């Protein structure tokens, strides 16, 4: 039943991204458990950075030392669960108005993150101007529409959460099928003109603690923000 679980995950989350990214993709003339970081200060650094140099820097993933415990870059260069993480890659040619988009997939250490299957992904979407509250609202609305899959074994919610003092959109998807349980937590956090999206997927026999998966997703998202800060400083 694991292949079915994977197929439902990839379908549902692909729909979420397809719906919600429509709003972000059209940004052109916008107004400008984890250790907390100063998101607003980092946003200022990002906005001051040269966009082309910023994009060049974001093409490389965070190093293992920058990642939360339990996550690592795939040693072979190919993610262990490529069939899952490929669903979270966001092609830039589908984002009209975006300057660039990069997706970095990470393997997990089974001694830290338990489960039959687990993976992490950080996406960066860089647009022309600062992402506003209105545009985050549109992202949230799009994500809500994308969760309407009609699958009886799948439940999904979209909420606003506070991540280090900054509003973010949280997408939660949970699935149960023939004794296999899964949870996906997606956190979309605007940082200046860049949307940082941290995603964690965990599936196992027996119930999966969605709150625990959230903690992992928050830590991965903030690691993505810290990496963005370092890249932006070098691009200023």
Protein backbone atom coordinates (compact mmCIF):
# COMPACT_ATOMS: atom_id res chain seq x y z
CA UNK A 1 0.00 0.00 0.00
CA UNK A 2 2.99 2.30 0.25
CA UNK A 3 2.98 3.04 -3.52
CA UNK A 4 -0.66 4.16 -3.24
CA UNK A 5 0.19 6.39 -0.30
CA UNK A 6 3.00 7.96 -2.30
CA UNK A 7 0.79 8.49 -5.33
CA UNK A 8 -1.91 10.21 -3.26
CA UNK A 9 0.69 12.38 -1.52
CA UNK A 10 2.25 13.47 -4.78
CA UNK A 11 -1.10 14.12 -6.42
CA UNK A 12 -2.56 16.07 -3.52
CA UNK A 13 0.53 18.18 -2.89
CA UNK A 14 1.00 18.82 -6.59
CA UNK A 15 -2.55 20.17 -6.64
CA UNK A 16 -1.82 22.33 -3.62
CA UNK A 17 1.22 23.86 -5.26
CA UNK A 18 -0.48 24.24 -8.63
CA UNK A 19 -3.33 26.17 -7.02
CA UNK A 20 -1.46 28.26 -4.49
CA UNK A 21 1.53 29.22 -6.60
CA UNK A 22 -0.71 30.94 -9.13
CA UNK A 23 -0.86 33.92 -6.78
CA UNK A 24 2.87 34.05 -6.13
CA UNK A 25 3.67 33.56 -9.80
CA UNK A 26 1.85 36.76 -10.72
CA UNK A 27 3.66 39.05 -8.27
CA UNK A 28 5.06 41.91 -10.37
CA UNK A 29 4.24 45.26 -8.81
CA UNK A 30 3.91 44.52 -5.12
CA UNK A 31 4.57 47.02 -2.34
CA UNK A 32 7.32 46.79 -0.76
CA UNK A 33 10.73 24.94 18.32
CA UNK A 34 13.49 26.19 16.93
CA UNK A 35 15.71 29.09 17.80
CA UNK A 36 14.01 32.25 16.59
CA UNK A 37 15.74 34.39 14.02
CA UNK A 38 15.04 37.96 12.93
CA UNK A 39 13.04 37.41 9.76
CA UNK A 40 12.44 41.13 9.16
CA UNK A 41 16.14 41.91 9.35
CA UNK A 42 16.93 39.08 6.96
CA UNK A 43 14.18 40.29 4.62
CA UNK A 44 15.94 43.67 4.41
CA UNK A 45 19.22 41.98 3.50
CA UNK A 46 17.47 39.91 0.83
CA UNK A 47 15.79 42.96 -0.70
CA UNK A 48 19.14 44.78 -0.86
CA UNK A 49 20.85 41.89 -2.65
CA UNK A 50 21.56 41.79 -6.37
CA UNK A 51 18.81 39.46 -7.70
CA UNK A 52 21.03 37.73 -10.25
CA UNK A 53 23.77 37.05 -7.71
CA UNK A 54 21.12 35.92 -5.21
CA UNK A 55 19.74 33.42 -7.72
CA UNK A 56 23.21 32.12 -8.50
CA UNK A 57 23.83 31.50 -4.81
CA UNK A 58 20.50 29.79 -4.18
CA UNK A 59 21.21 27.28 -6.92
CA UNK A 60 23.42 25.45 -4.41
CA UNK A 61 21.68 23.72 -1.47
CA UNK A 62 22.51 24.42 2.17
CA UNK A 63 25.49 22.40 3.39
CA UNK A 64 24.88 19.57 5.84
CA UNK A 65 26.21 21.71 8.69
CA UNK A 66 23.43 24.25 7.97
CA UNK A 67 20.65 21.66 8.14
CA UNK A 68 18.70 20.59 11.25
CA UNK A 69 19.65 17.33 12.92
CA UNK A 70 18.27 14.40 10.95
CA UNK A 71 18.61 15.95 7.48
CA UNK A 72 21.48 15.62 5.03
CA UNK A 73 22.23 16.16 1.37
CA UNK A 74 21.90 12.92 -0.64
CA UNK A 75 25.40 11.37 -0.68
CA UNK A 76 24.89 10.08 -4.23
CA UNK A 77 23.33 13.32 -5.43
CA UNK A 78 20.00 11.53 -5.97
CA UNK A 79 17.41 11.64 -3.14
CA UNK A 80 16.59 8.29 -1.54
CA UNK A 81 12.87 8.99 -2.08
CA UNK A 82 13.05 10.80 -5.39
CA UNK A 83 9.54 9.69 -6.34
CA UNK A 84 8.22 11.74 -3.41
CA UNK A 85 10.41 14.82 -3.45
CA UNK A 86 10.03 15.31 -7.20
CA UNK A 87 6.42 16.32 -6.50
CA UNK A 88 7.69 19.36 -4.62
CA UNK A 89 10.03 20.70 -7.30
CA UNK A 90 8.66 23.92 -8.76
CA UNK A 91 9.69 24.55 -12.39
CA UNK A 92 10.42 28.22 -12.94
CA UNK A 93 8.84 28.15 -16.39
CA UNK A 94 5.48 27.57 -14.68
CA UNK A 95 5.85 30.73 -12.56
CA UNK A 96 5.01 33.71 -14.73
CA UNK A 97 6.59 36.75 -13.11
CA UNK A 98 9.08 34.87 -10.95
CA UNK A 99 12.77 35.61 -11.36
CA UNK A 100 13.77 32.08 -10.41
CA UNK A 101 12.93 28.98 -8.41
CA UNK A 102 15.13 26.31 -6.86
CA UNK A 103 14.24 23.05 -5.13
CA UNK A 104 16.63 21.17 -2.86
CA UNK A 105 15.77 17.69 -1.59
CA UNK A 106 17.30 16.10 1.50
CA UNK A 107 17.61 12.58 2.80
CA UNK A 108 16.99 11.79 6.46
CA UNK A 109 18.88 9.93 9.16
CA UNK A 110 16.69 7.02 10.25
CA UNK A 111 18.18 7.14 13.74
CA UNK A 112 16.77 10.65 14.18
CA UNK A 113 13.65 10.69 11.97
CA UNK A 114 11.89 7.34 12.14
CA UNK A 115 9.49 5.92 9.57
CA UNK A 116 9.17 3.71 6.53
CA UNK A 117 9.75 6.79 4.43
CA UNK A 118 10.80 10.33 5.17
CA UNK A 119 12.21 13.24 3.23
CA UNK A 120 12.70 17.00 3.39
CA UNK A 121 12.60 19.68 0.72
CA UNK A 122 13.43 23.39 0.66
CA UNK A 123 12.05 25.48 -2.19
CA UNK A 124 13.04 29.05 -2.96
CA UNK A 125 10.87 31.25 -5.18
CA UNK A 126 12.37 34.66 -5.94
CA UNK A 127 10.08 37.36 -7.34
CA UNK A 128 10.59 40.97 -8.35
CA UNK A 129 9.31 42.78 -5.27
CA UNK A 130 8.57 42.20 -1.60
CA UNK A 131 5.83 39.65 -0.98
CA UNK A 132 2.90 41.37 0.69
CA UNK A 133 0.24 40.22 3.15
CA UNK A 134 -2.35 40.30 0.38
CA UNK A 135 -0.30 37.96 -1.76
CA UNK A 136 0.20 35.59 1.16
CA UNK A 137 -3.60 35.60 1.58
CA UNK A 138 -3.93 34.60 -2.08
CA UNK A 139 -1.39 31.83 -1.60
CA UNK A 140 -3.39 30.56 1.37
CA UNK A 141 -6.66 30.63 -0.60
CA UNK A 142 -5.08 28.76 -3.48
CA UNK A 143 -3.68 26.09 -1.18
CA UNK A 144 -7.11 25.59 0.41
CA UNK A 145 -8.65 24.94 -3.00
CA UNK A 146 -5.89 22.52 -3.93
CA UNK A 147 -6.64 20.25 -0.96
CA UNK A 148 -10.09 19.30 -2.24
CA UNK A 149 -9.05 15.92 -3.70
CA UNK A 150 -12.15 13.91 -2.76
CA UNK A 151 -10.01 11.06 -1.35
CA UNK A 152 -11.74 9.58 1.72
CA UNK A 153 -8.48 8.61 3.40
CA UNK A 154 -6.92 12.03 3.09
CA UNK A 155 -7.44 15.07 5.29
CA UNK A 156 -5.87 18.43 4.76
CA UNK A 157 -5.90 21.85 6.37
CA UNK A 158 -4.40 25.23 5.60
CA UNK A 159 -3.64 27.61 8.46
CA UNK A 160 -1.66 30.70 9.35
CA UNK A 161 1.20 30.16 11.79
CA UNK A 162 3.81 32.36 13.40
CA UNK A 163 7.37 31.41 12.52
CA UNK A 164 9.93 33.54 14.35
CA UNK A 165 7.50 36.46 14.48
CA UNK A 166 6.56 36.29 10.79
CA UNK A 167 3.24 35.13 9.31
CA UNK A 168 3.54 31.92 7.31
CA UNK A 169 1.12 29.55 5.60
CA UNK A 170 1.01 25.99 6.94
CA UNK A 171 -0.34 23.19 4.75
CA UNK A 172 -1.00 19.92 6.58
CA UNK A 173 -1.89 16.71 4.76
CA UNK A 174 -2.55 13.44 6.59
CA UNK A 175 -3.37 10.07 5.03
CA UNK A 176 -4.26 6.60 6.28
CA UNK A 177 -4.49 3.60 3.99
CA UNK A 178 -4.49 -0.07 5.04
CA UNK A 179 -2.39 0.52 8.13
CA UNK A 180 0.05 2.91 6.51
CA UNK A 181 -0.09 6.42 7.94
CA UNK A 182 1.51 9.53 6.54
CA UNK A 183 1.84 13.22 7.27
CA UNK A 184 3.12 16.11 5.19
CA UNK A 185 3.79 19.55 6.65
CA UNK A 186 4.52 22.43 4.30
CA UNK A 187 5.50 25.86 5.64
CA UNK A 188 5.58 28.78 3.20
CA UNK A 189 7.41 31.74 4.74
CA UNK A 190 7.91 35.06 2.89
CA UNK A 191 11.31 36.68 3.39
CA UNK A 192 11.53 39.91 1.43
CA UNK A 193 11.04 39.03 -2.23
CA UNK A 194 11.69 35.32 -1.63
CA UNK A 195 9.22 32.65 -0.59
CA UNK A 196 10.98 29.95 1.43
CA UNK A 197 8.99 26.70 1.49
CA UNK A 198 10.04 23.93 3.85
CA UNK A 199 8.40 20.53 3.42
CA UNK A 200 8.72 17.33 5.43
CA UNK A 201 7.09 14.00 4.55
CA UNK A 202 6.91 11.06 6.96
CA UNK A 203 5.10 7.74 6.43
CA UNK A 204 5.09 4.72 8.72
CA UNK A 205 3.17 1.69 9.96
CA UNK A 206 1.05 3.07 12.78
CA UNK A 207 0.14 6.65 13.46
CA UNK A 208 2.49 9.47 12.56
CA UNK A 209 2.76 12.43 14.93
CA UNK A 210 1.80 15.38 12.72
CA UNK A 211 2.96 17.85 15.39
CA UNK A 212 6.38 16.24 15.37
CA UNK A 213 6.49 16.50 11.59
CA UNK A 214 5.59 20.19 11.94
CA UNK A 215 8.56 20.74 14.24
CA UNK A 216 10.82 19.18 11.62
CA UNK A 217 9.31 21.32 8.86
CA UNK A 218 9.73 24.49 10.90
CA UNK A 219 13.36 23.68 11.62
CA UNK A 220 14.01 22.93 7.95
CA UNK A 221 12.28 26.14 6.83
CA UNK A 222 14.35 28.25 9.21
CA UNK A 223 17.51 26.51 8.02
CA UNK A 224 16.45 27.58 4.54
CA UNK A 225 16.05 31.16 5.75
CA UNK A 226 19.48 31.16 7.40
CA UNK A 227 21.01 29.88 4.16
CA UNK A 228 19.13 32.59 2.25
CA UNK A 229 20.59 35.21 4.59
CA UNK A 230 24.15 34.01 3.95
CA UNK A 231 23.60 34.01 0.19
CA UNK A 232 21.98 37.47 0.29
CA UNK A 233 24.85 38.93 2.31
CA UNK A 234 27.29 37.68 -0.30
CA UNK A 235 25.07 39.15 -3.04
CA UNK A 236 24.85 42.63 -1.50
